[in-house]
Amino acid sequence: MVEQQKKKRFALFLIKCDSEFVKKVNGGYFNIFVSTCGEDGEQWDLFRVHEANVNQYAEKFEKLAWGKVLTSLPENPAEKIKPEIAKELFASFNEELEAAYRKQISWVIPDPKLRDQTKILLSQTLMLVCTEFYEINRFGLGENTFNAR
């Protein structure tokens, strides 16, 4: 009897569509990845994420990567609160923003469309919440306030 050797099996999930150049020269990103990382005897499966799902992934990314920043300010940013509580909330917001920034600074989103969508979504969300909270609660913060404009 011949003993069958089990093949290592891997799955690759691709969001980016192959460019015409990559298709023509290399047969697609999948071929580039497998030729770079794969070894003989391995089986590689390709799964493509449809463009329609990209927005879902961007929203999940926002919640996972920036959720603590977004939830460090009150749910209703227009609500006026006591100055000492506002100070604590701003300190918490700044800490969470710095932590998220440090984590995210080295991450790369190679797809330009997804990268731009992510930047716009995050900046709109962060600026809306932070600016509104700051405008309502800035007067009890003392000398060390920043200028939102």
C-alpha atoms as a PDB file:
ATOM      1  CA  MET A   1       0.000   0.000   0.000  1.00  0.00           C
ATOM      2  CA  VAL A   2       1.133   3.483  -0.806  1.00  0.00           C
ATOM      3  CA  GLU A   3       0.836   5.949   2.037  1.00  0.00           C
ATOM      4  CA  GLN A   4      -0.777   9.187   0.916  1.00  0.00           C
ATOM      5  CA  GLN A   5       0.914  12.322   2.059  1.00  0.00           C
ATOM      6  CA  LYS A   6      -1.466  15.065   3.238  1.00  0.00           C
ATOM      7  CA  LYS A   7      -1.116  18.361   1.410  1.00  0.00           C
ATOM      8  CA  LYS A   8      -1.037  21.591   3.341  1.00  0.00           C
ATOM      9  CA  ARG A   9      -4.057  23.637   2.375  1.00  0.00           C
ATOM     10  CA  PHE A  10      -4.343  27.416   2.473  1.00  0.00           C
ATOM     11  CA  ALA A  11      -7.039  29.946   1.617  1.00  0.00           C
ATOM     12  CA  LEU A  12      -6.417  33.427   0.288  1.00  0.00           C
ATOM     13  CA  PHE A  13      -9.118  36.096   0.517  1.00  0.00           C
ATOM     14  CA  LEU A  14      -8.715  38.886  -2.030  1.00  0.00           C
ATOM     15  CA  ILE A  15     -10.614  42.145  -1.978  1.00  0.00           C
ATOM     16  CA  LYS A  16      -8.629  43.904  -4.680  1.00  0.00           C
ATOM     17  CA  CYS A  17      -9.573  43.233  -8.284  1.00  0.00           C
ATOM     18  CA  ASP A  18      -6.722  42.286 -10.586  1.00  0.00           C
ATOM     19  CA  SER A  19      -5.526  45.131 -12.791  1.00  0.00           C
ATOM     20  CA  GLU A  20      -5.218  44.452 -16.509  1.00  0.00           C
ATOM     21  CA  PHE A  21      -1.420  44.749 -16.241  1.00  0.00           C
ATOM     22  CA  VAL A  22      -1.196  42.220 -13.395  1.00  0.00           C
ATOM     23  CA  LYS A  23      -3.520  39.832 -15.232  1.00  0.00           C
ATOM     24  CA  LYS A  24      -1.480  40.090 -18.415  1.00  0.00           C
ATOM     25  CA  VAL A  25       1.984  39.817 -16.843  1.00  0.00           C
ATOM     26  CA  ASN A  26       1.405  37.500 -13.864  1.00  0.00           C
ATOM     27  CA  GLY A  27      -2.027  35.970 -14.353  1.00  0.00           C
ATOM     28  CA  GLY A  28      -3.395  37.849 -11.314  1.00  0.00           C
ATOM     29  CA  TYR A  29      -2.527  38.716  -7.719  1.00  0.00           C
ATOM     30  CA  PHE A  30      -3.303  35.153  -6.620  1.00  0.00           C
ATOM     31  CA  ASN A  31      -0.521  33.788  -8.835  1.00  0.00           C
ATOM     32  CA  ILE A  32       1.919  36.404  -7.521  1.00  0.00           C
ATOM     33  CA  PHE A  33       1.095  35.537  -3.916  1.00  0.00           C
ATOM     34  CA  VAL A  34       1.299  31.758  -4.389  1.00  0.00           C
ATOM     35  CA  SER A  35       4.546  31.952  -6.374  1.00  0.00           C
ATOM     36  CA  THR A  36       6.057  34.161  -3.650  1.00  0.00           C
ATOM     37  CA  CYS A  37       4.762  32.375  -0.533  1.00  0.00           C
ATOM     38  CA  GLY A  38       3.714  28.905  -1.656  1.00  0.00           C
ATOM     39  CA  GLU A  39       5.793  25.739  -1.632  1.00  0.00           C
ATOM     40  CA  ASP A  40       5.576  22.476  -3.571  1.00  0.00           C
ATOM     41  CA  GLY A  41       2.862  20.131  -2.381  1.00  0.00           C
ATOM     42  CA  GLU A  42       0.593  22.859  -1.018  1.00  0.00           C
ATOM     43  CA  GLN A  43      -2.941  23.507  -2.150  1.00  0.00           C
ATOM     44  CA  TRP A  44      -4.112  27.113  -2.371  1.00  0.00           C
ATOM     45  CA  ASP A  45      -7.739  28.198  -2.697  1.00  0.00           C
ATOM     46  CA  LEU A  46      -8.819  31.669  -3.783  1.00  0.00           C
ATOM     47  CA  PHE A  47     -11.852  33.475  -2.412  1.00  0.00           C
ATOM     48  CA  ARG A  48     -12.762  36.881  -3.773  1.00  0.00           C
ATOM     49  CA  VAL A  49     -14.691  39.454  -1.776  1.00  0.00           C
ATOM     50  CA  HIS A  50     -17.240  41.183  -3.960  1.00  0.00           C
ATOM     51  CA  GLU A  51     -17.083  44.949  -4.295  1.00  0.00           C
ATOM     52  CA  ALA A  52     -20.526  45.196  -2.670  1.00  0.00           C
ATOM     53  CA  ASN A  53     -19.045  43.779   0.555  1.00  0.00           C
ATOM     54  CA  VAL A  54     -16.197  46.303   0.706  1.00  0.00           C
ATOM     55  CA  ASN A  55     -18.353  48.891   2.514  1.00  0.00           C
ATOM     56  CA  GLN A  56     -19.299  46.285   5.120  1.00  0.00           C
ATOM     57  CA  TYR A  57     -15.621  45.560   5.764  1.00  0.00           C
ATOM     58  CA  ALA A  58     -14.839  49.287   5.967  1.00  0.00           C
ATOM     59  CA  GLU A  59     -17.569  49.771   8.575  1.00  0.00           C
ATOM     60  CA  LYS A  60     -16.356  46.757  10.569  1.00  0.00           C
ATOM     61  CA  PHE A  61     -12.818  48.132  10.389  1.00  0.00           C
ATOM     62  CA  GLU A  62     -14.032  51.480  11.750  1.00  0.00           C
ATOM     63  CA  LYS A  63     -15.778  49.813  14.683  1.00  0.00           C
ATOM     64  CA  LEU A  64     -12.904  47.473  15.522  1.00  0.00           C
ATOM     65  CA  ALA A  65     -10.011  49.879  15.036  1.00  0.00           C
ATOM     66  CA  TRP A  66     -11.582  53.161  16.120  1.00  0.00           C
ATOM     67  CA  GLY A  67     -14.535  52.069  18.269  1.00  0.00           C
ATOM     68  CA  LYS A  68     -12.917  52.992  21.589  1.00  0.00           C
ATOM     69  CA  VAL A  69     -12.167  56.479  20.266  1.00  0.00           C
ATOM     70  CA  LEU A  70     -15.738  56.967  19.094  1.00  0.00           C
ATOM     71  CA  THR A  71     -17.239  55.677  22.339  1.00  0.00           C
ATOM     72  CA  SER A  72     -14.932  57.700  24.597  1.00  0.00           C
ATOM     73  CA  LEU A  73     -17.197  60.738  24.127  1.00  0.00           C
ATOM     74  CA  PRO A  74     -20.861  60.794  25.157  1.00  0.00           C
ATOM     75  CA  GLU A  75     -23.490  59.245  22.909  1.00  0.00           C
ATOM     76  CA  ASN A  76     -25.111  62.673  22.593  1.00  0.00           C
ATOM     77  CA  PRO A  77     -22.204  65.075  21.923  1.00  0.00           C
ATOM     78  CA  ALA A  78     -24.528  68.099  21.963  1.00  0.00           C
ATOM     79  CA  GLU A  79     -25.445  67.549  25.603  1.00  0.00           C
ATOM     80  CA  LYS A  80     -23.907  70.076  27.989  1.00  0.00           C
ATOM     81  CA  ILE A  81     -22.144  68.433  30.915  1.00  0.00           C
ATOM     82  CA  LYS A  82     -20.166  69.548  33.960  1.00  0.00           C
ATOM     83  CA  PRO A  83     -16.712  70.980  33.130  1.00  0.00           C
ATOM     84  CA  GLU A  84     -14.832  68.436  35.253  1.00  0.00           C
ATOM     85  CA  ILE A  85     -16.589  65.546  33.482  1.00  0.00           C
ATOM     86  CA  ALA A  86     -15.929  67.171  30.092  1.00  0.00           C
ATOM     87  CA  LYS A  87     -12.231  67.408  31.005  1.00  0.00           C
ATOM     88  CA  GLU A  88     -12.127  63.711  31.895  1.00  0.00           C
ATOM     89  CA  LEU A  89     -13.917  62.787  28.675  1.00  0.00           C
ATOM     90  CA  PHE A  90     -11.517  64.870  26.564  1.00  0.00           C
ATOM     91  CA  ALA A  91      -8.552  63.225  28.300  1.00  0.00           C
ATOM     92  CA  SER A  92     -10.041  59.787  27.620  1.00  0.00           C
ATOM     93  CA  PHE A  93     -10.729  60.741  23.998  1.00  0.00           C
ATOM     94  CA  ASN A  94      -7.156  61.956  23.521  1.00  0.00           C
ATOM     95  CA  GLU A  95      -5.713  58.767  25.062  1.00  0.00           C
ATOM     96  CA  GLU A  96      -7.875  56.512  22.879  1.00  0.00           C
ATOM     97  CA  LEU A  97      -7.109  58.585  19.774  1.00  0.00           C
ATOM     98  CA  GLU A  98      -3.359  58.335  20.414  1.00  0.00           C
ATOM     99  CA  ALA A  99      -3.597  54.567  21.041  1.00  0.00           C
ATOM    100  CA  ALA A 100      -5.615  53.976  17.860  1.00  0.00           C
ATOM    101  CA  TYR A 101      -3.255  56.184  15.864  1.00  0.00           C
ATOM    102  CA  ARG A 102      -0.192  54.288  17.114  1.00  0.00           C
ATOM    103  CA  LYS A 103      -1.798  50.979  16.119  1.00  0.00           C
ATOM    104  CA  GLN A 104      -3.005  52.190  12.730  1.00  0.00           C
ATOM    105  CA  ILE A 105      -0.005  54.237  11.570  1.00  0.00           C
ATOM    106  CA  SER A 106       1.798  51.208  10.129  1.00  0.00           C
ATOM    107  CA  TRP A 107      -1.251  49.649   8.476  1.00  0.00           C
ATOM    108  CA  VAL A 108      -1.603  49.942   4.717  1.00  0.00           C
ATOM    109  CA  ILE A 109      -4.774  49.751   2.645  1.00  0.00           C
ATOM    110  CA  PRO A 110      -3.391  49.137  -0.842  1.00  0.00           C
ATOM    111  CA  ASP A 111      -6.687  49.599  -2.684  1.00  0.00           C
ATOM    112  CA  PRO A 112      -6.993  53.357  -3.367  1.00  0.00           C
ATOM    113  CA  LYS A 113     -10.784  53.341  -3.454  1.00  0.00           C
ATOM    114  CA  LEU A 114     -11.106  51.489  -0.155  1.00  0.00           C
ATOM    115  CA  ARG A 115      -8.364  53.649   1.406  1.00  0.00           C
ATOM    116  CA  ASP A 116     -10.153  56.863   0.392  1.00  0.00           C
ATOM    117  CA  GLN A 117     -13.540  55.567   1.572  1.00  0.00           C
ATOM    118  CA  THR A 118     -12.029  54.618   4.919  1.00  0.00           C
ATOM    119  CA  LYS A 119     -10.317  57.990   5.381  1.00  0.00           C
ATOM    120  CA  ILE A 120     -13.482  59.916   4.518  1.00  0.00           C
ATOM    121  CA  LEU A 121     -15.697  57.773   6.744  1.00  0.00           C
ATOM    122  CA  LEU A 122     -13.345  58.068   9.729  1.00  0.00           C
ATOM    123  CA  SER A 123     -12.649  61.773   9.373  1.00  0.00           C
ATOM    124  CA  GLN A 124     -16.335  62.616   9.002  1.00  0.00           C
ATOM    125  CA  THR A 125     -17.314  60.506  11.992  1.00  0.00           C
ATOM    126  CA  LEU A 126     -14.507  61.700  14.263  1.00  0.00           C
ATOM    127  CA  MET A 127     -14.813  65.366  13.338  1.00  0.00           C
ATOM    128  CA  LEU A 128     -18.588  65.400  13.697  1.00  0.00           C
ATOM    129  CA  VAL A 129     -18.581  63.918  17.191  1.00  0.00           C
ATOM    130  CA  CYS A 130     -15.464  65.676  18.501  1.00  0.00           C
ATOM    131  CA  THR A 131     -16.251  69.131  17.116  1.00  0.00           C
ATOM    132  CA  GLU A 132     -19.820  69.130  18.370  1.00  0.00           C
ATOM    133  CA  PHE A 133     -18.749  67.997  21.844  1.00  0.00           C
ATOM    134  CA  TYR A 134     -15.940  70.546  21.938  1.00  0.00           C
ATOM    135  CA  GLU A 135     -18.143  73.441  20.804  1.00  0.00           C
ATOM    136  CA  ILE A 136     -20.688  72.735  23.549  1.00  0.00           C
ATOM    137  CA  ASN A 137     -18.266  71.979  26.395  1.00  0.00           C
ATOM    138  CA  ARG A 138     -15.108  73.984  25.718  1.00  0.00           C
ATOM    139  CA  PHE A 139     -15.757  76.855  28.110  1.00  0.00           C
ATOM    140  CA  GLY A 140     -15.146  74.960  31.341  1.00  0.00           C
ATOM    141  CA  LEU A 141     -11.868  73.417  30.197  1.00  0.00           C
ATOM    142  CA  GLY A 142      -9.478  76.180  31.264  1.00  0.00           C
ATOM    143  CA  GLU A 143      -6.351  77.440  29.512  1.00  0.00           C
ATOM    144  CA  ASN A 144      -5.179  74.172  27.951  1.00  0.00           C
ATOM    145  CA  THR A 145      -7.921  73.978  25.334  1.00  0.00           C
ATOM    146  CA  PHE A 146      -7.291  73.521  21.643  1.00  0.00           C
ATOM    147  CA  ASN A 147      -8.805  75.492  18.819  1.00  0.00           C
ATOM    148  CA  ALA A 148     -11.173  73.351  16.741  1.00  0.00           C
ATOM    149  CA  ARG A 149     -11.136  75.775  13.805  1.00  0.00           C
END
